[in-house]
Amino acid sequence: MIVTVILNFYHHQMLLEKFVEECRFPPVPDAICCYQKCRGYSKIQIYITDPDFKGFIRISCCQYCKIEFHMNCWKKFKTTTFNDKIDKDFLQGICLTPDCEGIISKIIIFSSGGQVKCEFEHKVIKEKVPPRPILKQKCSSLEKLRLKEDRKLKRKIQKEAKKLAQERMEEDLRESNPPQNEEQKAVVCVLCKTFGEIAYAFGGFLDSWSWR
């Protein structure tokens, strides 16, 4: 029995340390109430796991704004600002975020169990903004214009000089290395001449041998 008491003590001690750690470093909330006069709750952070959780509403617009309310705060906000307007009628209305010109496109209501109770959606087609034309910046002074023309002329001269140097290099290579076909013709002529002389000399040798 003493062992059981000790184990229970350590178990409760671990749970207590865990809860203290969560209080010091709370997890990311499931939602944050945006009602300025949020009352009746100890915090604006909404957690589905809270014992007093009673659901919340999430409203999104086409500009990716997302605002959330406790259900009680949402009802008070509607009563004081929109005369108890029906939730579905907020669709296609102006976003509730200050300085946002987006259109409300989606409303999700979560039940006290954390499940989606109902959902309203209206797809907003965004207009494609045409790309801005690219304009070449003009020179603001005559000095800049002159410098621009000088750089342009310099590039042209460098390009022509490079082309001329390449042509001269190719010409020098052709002179130092004649085409292979011409070399082969010259070799063939020399060989033919040599074989002709040999044949002529051999013919003379045969004639002299026959006289003997």
C-alpha atoms as a PDB file:
ATOM      1  CA  MET A   1       0.000   0.000   0.000  1.00  0.00           C
ATOM      2  CA  ILE A   2       2.874   2.342   0.760  1.00  0.00           C
ATOM      3  CA  VAL A   3       4.319   1.606  -2.678  1.00  0.00           C
ATOM      4  CA  THR A   4       1.000   2.542  -4.290  1.00  0.00           C
ATOM      5  CA  VAL A   5       0.879   5.829  -2.405  1.00  0.00           C
ATOM      6  CA  ILE A   6       4.441   6.655  -3.472  1.00  0.00           C
ATOM      7  CA  LEU A   7       3.656   5.862  -7.117  1.00  0.00           C
ATOM      8  CA  ASN A   8       0.520   8.009  -7.010  1.00  0.00           C
ATOM      9  CA  PHE A   9       2.518  10.838  -5.462  1.00  0.00           C
ATOM     10  CA  TYR A  10       5.131  10.719  -8.228  1.00  0.00           C
ATOM     11  CA  HIS A  11       2.396  10.477 -10.862  1.00  0.00           C
ATOM     12  CA  HIS A  12       0.656  13.586  -9.552  1.00  0.00           C
ATOM     13  CA  GLN A  13       4.012  15.315  -9.248  1.00  0.00           C
ATOM     14  CA  MET A  14       4.741  14.657 -12.928  1.00  0.00           C
ATOM     15  CA  LEU A  15       1.302  15.878 -13.961  1.00  0.00           C
ATOM     16  CA  LEU A  16       1.760  19.030 -11.913  1.00  0.00           C
ATOM     17  CA  GLU A  17       5.136  19.730 -13.530  1.00  0.00           C
ATOM     18  CA  LYS A  18       3.601  19.173 -16.965  1.00  0.00           C
ATOM     19  CA  PHE A  19       0.780  21.623 -16.270  1.00  0.00           C
ATOM     20  CA  VAL A  20       3.209  24.213 -14.917  1.00  0.00           C
ATOM     21  CA  GLU A  21       5.303  23.847 -18.086  1.00  0.00           C
ATOM     22  CA  GLU A  22       2.221  24.336 -20.270  1.00  0.00           C
ATOM     23  CA  CYS A  23       1.304  27.456 -18.315  1.00  0.00           C
ATOM     24  CA  ARG A  24       4.783  28.880 -18.772  1.00  0.00           C
ATOM     25  CA  PHE A  25       4.997  27.962 -22.461  1.00  0.00           C
ATOM     26  CA  PRO A  26       1.437  27.561 -23.742  1.00  0.00           C
ATOM     27  CA  PRO A  27       0.852  25.819 -27.096  1.00  0.00           C
ATOM     28  CA  VAL A  28      -0.336  27.650 -30.195  1.00  0.00           C
ATOM     29  CA  PRO A  29      -4.069  28.435 -29.771  1.00  0.00           C
ATOM     30  CA  ASP A  30      -6.669  27.043 -32.155  1.00  0.00           C
ATOM     31  CA  ALA A  31      -8.047  30.564 -32.611  1.00  0.00           C
ATOM     32  CA  ILE A  32      -7.756  34.106 -31.206  1.00  0.00           C
ATOM     33  CA  CYS A  33     -10.839  36.202 -30.491  1.00  0.00           C
ATOM     34  CA  CYS A  34     -10.763  39.543 -32.330  1.00  0.00           C
ATOM     35  CA  TYR A  35     -13.630  41.162 -30.431  1.00  0.00           C
ATOM     36  CA  GLN A  36     -12.307  44.319 -28.787  1.00  0.00           C
ATOM     37  CA  LYS A  37     -14.710  43.976 -25.835  1.00  0.00           C
ATOM     38  CA  CYS A  38     -14.015  40.284 -25.277  1.00  0.00           C
ATOM     39  CA  ARG A  39     -15.366  39.664 -21.759  1.00  0.00           C
ATOM     40  CA  GLY A  40     -16.451  36.720 -19.688  1.00  0.00           C
ATOM     41  CA  TYR A  41     -13.293  34.758 -20.614  1.00  0.00           C
ATOM     42  CA  SER A  42      -9.932  34.721 -18.908  1.00  0.00           C
ATOM     43  CA  LYS A  43      -8.065  34.963 -22.207  1.00  0.00           C
ATOM     44  CA  ILE A  44      -8.615  35.813 -25.867  1.00  0.00           C
ATOM     45  CA  GLN A  45      -6.800  32.620 -26.928  1.00  0.00           C
ATOM     46  CA  ILE A  46      -9.240  29.894 -27.873  1.00  0.00           C
ATOM     47  CA  TYR A  47      -8.403  26.251 -27.208  1.00  0.00           C
ATOM     48  CA  ILE A  48     -10.699  23.416 -28.181  1.00  0.00           C
ATOM     49  CA  THR A  49      -9.438  21.483 -25.153  1.00  0.00           C
ATOM     50  CA  ASP A  50     -10.517  24.193 -22.682  1.00  0.00           C
ATOM     51  CA  PRO A  51     -13.180  23.006 -20.198  1.00  0.00           C
ATOM     52  CA  ASP A  52     -15.324  26.069 -20.961  1.00  0.00           C
ATOM     53  CA  PHE A  53     -14.945  25.818 -24.759  1.00  0.00           C
ATOM     54  CA  LYS A  54     -18.268  26.578 -26.475  1.00  0.00           C
ATOM     55  CA  GLY A  55     -17.189  26.851 -30.095  1.00  0.00           C
ATOM     56  CA  PHE A  56     -16.002  29.738 -32.244  1.00  0.00           C
ATOM     57  CA  ILE A  57     -16.486  31.275 -35.685  1.00  0.00           C
ATOM     58  CA  ARG A  58     -13.838  31.904 -38.339  1.00  0.00           C
ATOM     59  CA  ILE A  59     -14.332  34.444 -41.144  1.00  0.00           C
ATOM     60  CA  SER A  60     -11.992  34.612 -44.161  1.00  0.00           C
ATOM     61  CA  CYS A  61     -11.794  37.061 -47.048  1.00  0.00           C
ATOM     62  CA  CYS A  62     -10.393  36.905 -50.584  1.00  0.00           C
ATOM     63  CA  GLN A  63      -7.283  38.816 -49.464  1.00  0.00           C
ATOM     64  CA  TYR A  64      -6.394  35.968 -47.051  1.00  0.00           C
ATOM     65  CA  CYS A  65      -7.518  37.791 -43.898  1.00  0.00           C
ATOM     66  CA  LYS A  66      -8.718  35.472 -41.130  1.00  0.00           C
ATOM     67  CA  ILE A  67     -10.561  36.703 -38.032  1.00  0.00           C
ATOM     68  CA  GLU A  68     -12.098  34.606 -35.257  1.00  0.00           C
ATOM     69  CA  PHE A  69     -14.527  35.161 -32.369  1.00  0.00           C
ATOM     70  CA  HIS A  70     -15.878  33.326 -29.355  1.00  0.00           C
ATOM     71  CA  MET A  71     -19.484  32.467 -30.140  1.00  0.00           C
ATOM     72  CA  ASN A  72     -20.714  34.769 -27.340  1.00  0.00           C
ATOM     73  CA  CYS A  73     -18.436  37.577 -28.520  1.00  0.00           C
ATOM     74  CA  TRP A  74     -19.644  37.081 -32.094  1.00  0.00           C
ATOM     75  CA  LYS A  75     -23.271  37.367 -31.029  1.00  0.00           C
ATOM     76  CA  LYS A  76     -22.565  40.572 -29.093  1.00  0.00           C
ATOM     77  CA  PHE A  77     -20.603  41.974 -32.045  1.00  0.00           C
ATOM     78  CA  LYS A  78     -23.469  41.244 -34.444  1.00  0.00           C
ATOM     79  CA  THR A  79     -26.054  42.733 -32.092  1.00  0.00           C
ATOM     80  CA  THR A  80     -24.201  45.986 -31.480  1.00  0.00           C
ATOM     81  CA  THR A  81     -22.846  46.517 -35.000  1.00  0.00           C
ATOM     82  CA  PHE A  82     -25.009  44.681 -37.541  1.00  0.00           C
ATOM     83  CA  ASN A  83     -28.424  44.423 -35.834  1.00  0.00           C
ATOM     84  CA  ASP A  84     -28.324  40.614 -35.475  1.00  0.00           C
ATOM     85  CA  LYS A  85     -27.477  40.024 -39.126  1.00  0.00           C
ATOM     86  CA  ILE A  86     -27.635  36.369 -40.227  1.00  0.00           C
ATOM     87  CA  ASP A  87     -24.226  34.679 -40.498  1.00  0.00           C
ATOM     88  CA  LYS A  88     -24.734  33.651 -44.126  1.00  0.00           C
ATOM     89  CA  ASP A  89     -25.550  37.238 -45.114  1.00  0.00           C
ATOM     90  CA  PHE A  90     -21.987  38.290 -44.283  1.00  0.00           C
ATOM     91  CA  LEU A  91     -20.779  36.511 -47.421  1.00  0.00           C
ATOM     92  CA  GLN A  92     -19.724  38.874 -50.241  1.00  0.00           C
ATOM     93  CA  GLY A  93     -19.600  41.708 -47.714  1.00  0.00           C
ATOM     94  CA  ILE A  94     -16.628  43.925 -46.939  1.00  0.00           C
ATOM     95  CA  CYS A  95     -13.926  42.266 -44.828  1.00  0.00           C
ATOM     96  CA  LEU A  96     -14.190  43.006 -41.104  1.00  0.00           C
ATOM     97  CA  THR A  97     -10.448  43.646 -40.864  1.00  0.00           C
ATOM     98  CA  PRO A  98      -9.684  47.394 -40.742  1.00  0.00           C
ATOM     99  CA  ASP A  99      -8.087  48.866 -43.888  1.00  0.00           C
ATOM    100  CA  CYS A 100      -8.857  45.687 -45.887  1.00  0.00           C
ATOM    101  CA  GLU A 101     -10.925  46.031 -49.051  1.00  0.00           C
ATOM    102  CA  GLY A 102     -11.345  42.300 -49.566  1.00  0.00           C
ATOM    103  CA  ILE A 103     -14.647  40.452 -49.861  1.00  0.00           C
ATOM    104  CA  ILE A 104     -15.749  37.892 -47.266  1.00  0.00           C
ATOM    105  CA  SER A 105     -15.572  34.539 -49.041  1.00  0.00           C
ATOM    106  CA  LYS A 106     -15.813  31.890 -46.309  1.00  0.00           C
ATOM    107  CA  ILE A 107     -17.437  31.455 -42.885  1.00  0.00           C
ATOM    108  CA  ILE A 108     -16.862  28.381 -40.681  1.00  0.00           C
ATOM    109  CA  ILE A 109     -18.651  27.768 -37.387  1.00  0.00           C
ATOM    110  CA  PHE A 110     -17.128  25.241 -34.982  1.00  0.00           C
ATOM    111  CA  SER A 111     -19.303  23.466 -32.433  1.00  0.00           C
ATOM    112  CA  SER A 112     -18.544  23.001 -28.718  1.00  0.00           C
ATOM    113  CA  GLY A 113     -17.025  19.606 -29.617  1.00  0.00           C
ATOM    114  CA  GLY A 114     -14.479  21.186 -31.988  1.00  0.00           C
ATOM    115  CA  GLN A 115     -16.105  19.854 -35.188  1.00  0.00           C
ATOM    116  CA  VAL A 116     -17.281  21.986 -38.110  1.00  0.00           C
ATOM    117  CA  LYS A 117     -20.927  22.740 -37.423  1.00  0.00           C
ATOM    118  CA  CYS A 118     -21.685  24.640 -40.620  1.00  0.00           C
ATOM    119  CA  GLU A 119     -19.764  26.298 -43.426  1.00  0.00           C
ATOM    120  CA  PHE A 120     -20.656  29.003 -45.946  1.00  0.00           C
ATOM    121  CA  GLU A 121     -18.472  29.816 -48.923  1.00  0.00           C
ATOM    122  CA  HIS A 122     -18.550  32.114 -51.928  1.00  0.00           C
ATOM    123  CA  LYS A 123     -15.751  31.857 -54.480  1.00  0.00           C
ATOM    124  CA  VAL A 124     -14.399  35.269 -55.408  1.00  0.00           C
ATOM    125  CA  ILE A 125     -12.717  35.485 -58.815  1.00  0.00           C
ATOM    126  CA  LYS A 126      -9.808  37.888 -58.652  1.00  0.00           C
ATOM    127  CA  GLU A 127      -9.189  40.158 -61.598  1.00  0.00           C
ATOM    128  CA  LYS A 128      -5.846  39.636 -63.228  1.00  0.00           C
ATOM    129  CA  VAL A 129      -3.758  42.771 -63.084  1.00  0.00           C
ATOM    130  CA  PRO A 130      -2.015  43.406 -66.438  1.00  0.00           C
ATOM    131  CA  PRO A 131       1.767  43.555 -66.213  1.00  0.00           C
ATOM    132  CA  ARG A 132       3.299  46.977 -66.076  1.00  0.00           C
ATOM    133  CA  PRO A 133       4.969  48.046 -69.332  1.00  0.00           C
ATOM    134  CA  ILE A 134       8.743  48.255 -69.258  1.00  0.00           C
ATOM    135  CA  LEU A 135       9.925  51.710 -70.284  1.00  0.00           C
ATOM    136  CA  LYS A 136      13.495  52.412 -71.211  1.00  0.00           C
ATOM    137  CA  GLN A 137      14.886  55.237 -69.164  1.00  0.00           C
ATOM    138  CA  LYS A 138      15.921  58.183 -71.272  1.00  0.00           C
ATOM    139  CA  CYS A 139      19.125  60.096 -70.659  1.00  0.00           C
ATOM    140  CA  SER A 140      18.541  63.071 -68.440  1.00  0.00           C
ATOM    141  CA  SER A 141      21.373  65.227 -69.833  1.00  0.00           C
ATOM    142  CA  LEU A 142      23.531  65.746 -72.893  1.00  0.00           C
ATOM    143  CA  GLU A 143      26.598  64.554 -70.989  1.00  0.00           C
ATOM    144  CA  LYS A 144      25.003  61.168 -70.248  1.00  0.00           C
ATOM    145  CA  LEU A 145      23.868  60.926 -73.869  1.00  0.00           C
ATOM    146  CA  ARG A 146      27.405  61.600 -75.109  1.00  0.00           C
ATOM    147  CA  LEU A 147      28.858  58.980 -72.753  1.00  0.00           C
ATOM    148  CA  LYS A 148      26.283  56.485 -73.945  1.00  0.00           C
ATOM    149  CA  GLU A 149      27.185  57.095 -77.605  1.00  0.00           C
ATOM    150  CA  ASP A 150      30.922  56.826 -76.807  1.00  0.00           C
ATOM    151  CA  ARG A 151      30.419  53.453 -75.122  1.00  0.00           C
ATOM    152  CA  LYS A 152      28.371  52.284 -78.089  1.00  0.00           C
ATOM    153  CA  LEU A 153      31.081  53.361 -80.581  1.00  0.00           C
ATOM    154  CA  LYS A 154      33.806  51.750 -78.456  1.00  0.00           C
ATOM    155  CA  ARG A 155      31.950  48.423 -78.429  1.00  0.00           C
ATOM    156  CA  LYS A 156      31.550  48.619 -82.218  1.00  0.00           C
ATOM    157  CA  ILE A 157      35.278  49.292 -82.763  1.00  0.00           C
ATOM    158  CA  GLN A 158      36.252  46.432 -80.430  1.00  0.00           C
ATOM    159  CA  LYS A 159      33.913  44.088 -82.280  1.00  0.00           C
ATOM    160  CA  GLU A 160      35.367  45.010 -85.707  1.00  0.00           C
ATOM    161  CA  ALA A 161      38.958  44.721 -84.433  1.00  0.00           C
ATOM    162  CA  LYS A 162      38.241  41.278 -83.027  1.00  0.00           C
ATOM    163  CA  LYS A 163      36.695  40.178 -86.319  1.00  0.00           C
ATOM    164  CA  LEU A 164      39.668  41.486 -88.321  1.00  0.00           C
ATOM    165  CA  ALA A 165      42.177  39.757 -86.024  1.00  0.00           C
ATOM    166  CA  GLN A 166      40.317  36.479 -86.401  1.00  0.00           C
ATOM    167  CA  GLU A 167      40.327  36.761 -90.202  1.00  0.00           C
ATOM    168  CA  ARG A 168      44.084  37.420 -90.241  1.00  0.00           C
ATOM    169  CA  MET A 169      44.722  34.445 -87.982  1.00  0.00           C
ATOM    170  CA  GLU A 170      42.724  32.178 -90.286  1.00  0.00           C
ATOM    171  CA  GLU A 171      44.637  33.494 -93.332  1.00  0.00           C
ATOM    172  CA  ASP A 172      48.011  32.813 -91.654  1.00  0.00           C
ATOM    173  CA  LEU A 173      46.902  29.285 -90.832  1.00  0.00           C
ATOM    174  CA  ARG A 174      45.911  28.652 -94.446  1.00  0.00           C
ATOM    175  CA  GLU A 175      49.297  29.884 -95.711  1.00  0.00           C
ATOM    176  CA  SER A 176      51.311  27.799 -93.222  1.00  0.00           C
ATOM    177  CA  ASN A 177      49.168  24.699 -93.707  1.00  0.00           C
ATOM    178  CA  PRO A 178      48.124  24.289 -97.373  1.00  0.00           C
ATOM    179  CA  PRO A 179      45.116  22.086 -98.075  1.00  0.00           C
ATOM    180  CA  GLN A 180      45.701  18.369 -97.891  1.00  0.00           C
ATOM    181  CA  ASN A 181      44.450  17.743-101.443  1.00  0.00           C
ATOM    182  CA  GLU A 182      47.143  19.992-102.967  1.00  0.00           C
ATOM    183  CA  GLU A 183      49.851  18.213-100.975  1.00  0.00           C
ATOM    184  CA  GLN A 184      48.580  14.847-102.152  1.00  0.00           C
ATOM    185  CA  LYS A 185      48.621  16.030-105.797  1.00  0.00           C
ATOM    186  CA  ALA A 186      52.218  17.232-105.429  1.00  0.00           C
ATOM    187  CA  VAL A 187      53.303  13.916-103.913  1.00  0.00           C
ATOM    188  CA  VAL A 188      51.567  11.956-106.709  1.00  0.00           C
ATOM    189  CA  CYS A 189      53.346  14.035-109.380  1.00  0.00           C
ATOM    190  CA  VAL A 190      56.731  13.464-107.759  1.00  0.00           C
ATOM    191  CA  LEU A 191      56.090   9.723-107.482  1.00  0.00           C
ATOM    192  CA  CYS A 192      54.958   9.504-111.110  1.00  0.00           C
ATOM    193  CA  LYS A 193      58.042  11.343-112.264  1.00  0.00           C
ATOM    194  CA  THR A 194      60.301   9.085-110.204  1.00  0.00           C
ATOM    195  CA  PHE A 195      58.638   5.882-111.417  1.00  0.00           C
ATOM    196  CA  GLY A 196      58.904   7.174-114.992  1.00  0.00           C
ATOM    197  CA  GLU A 197      62.621   7.754-114.654  1.00  0.00           C
ATOM    198  CA  ILE A 198      63.093   4.303-113.132  1.00  0.00           C
ATOM    199  CA  ALA A 199      61.109   2.695-115.904  1.00  0.00           C
ATOM    200  CA  TYR A 200      63.096   4.561-118.567  1.00  0.00           C
ATOM    201  CA  ALA A 201      66.402   3.548-117.000  1.00  0.00           C
ATOM    202  CA  PHE A 202      65.250  -0.071-116.699  1.00  0.00           C
ATOM    203  CA  GLY A 203      64.186  -0.053-120.339  1.00  0.00           C
ATOM    204  CA  GLY A 204      67.667   1.165-121.369  1.00  0.00           C
ATOM    205  CA  PHE A 205      69.237  -1.565-119.286  1.00  0.00           C
ATOM    206  CA  LEU A 206      67.178  -4.213-121.068  1.00  0.00           C
ATOM    207  CA  ASP A 207      68.134  -2.845-124.479  1.00  0.00           C
ATOM    208  CA  SER A 208      71.839  -2.975-123.638  1.00  0.00           C
ATOM    209  CA  TRP A 209      71.466  -6.504-122.305  1.00  0.00           C
ATOM    210  CA  SER A 210      69.768  -7.694-125.448  1.00  0.00           C
ATOM    211  CA  TRP A 211      72.699  -6.463-127.588  1.00  0.00           C
ATOM    212  CA  ARG A 212      74.999  -8.712-125.647  1.00  0.00           C
END
